[in-house]
Amino acid sequence: MNAVSLNNLWDYIKGLSLTASNQRWLAERLMEASTKDLSDEEHSKLAKLNALFGAWDDADGSRIEETIHEARACDYERELVSMDDKDC
């Protein structure tokens, strides 16, 4: 689909009277369809990203920054995992 068609589709969807649960259902179906043809490696990366979803959901920028500074001040170290690791 080109950009004009996608914009028309989006305008149509916005014009529907969807409840929050209807919107969530539609979003879930679209996400399922978008990941259906991904490779195993792409699925692994997507799973890692989805695990992070909402991790800072209730935090504002200053709280996130404060947490990072606290971790650095305590010499907190943790293993960083590459998104391209094959053994995950």
Foldseek 3Di string as FASTA:
>chain_A
DDPVVVVVVVVVVVPDPDDPVRVVVVVVVVVCVVCVPDDPLVVQLVVVVVVCPCVCVPPDPVVVVVVVVVCVVVVNDDDDDDSRDPPD
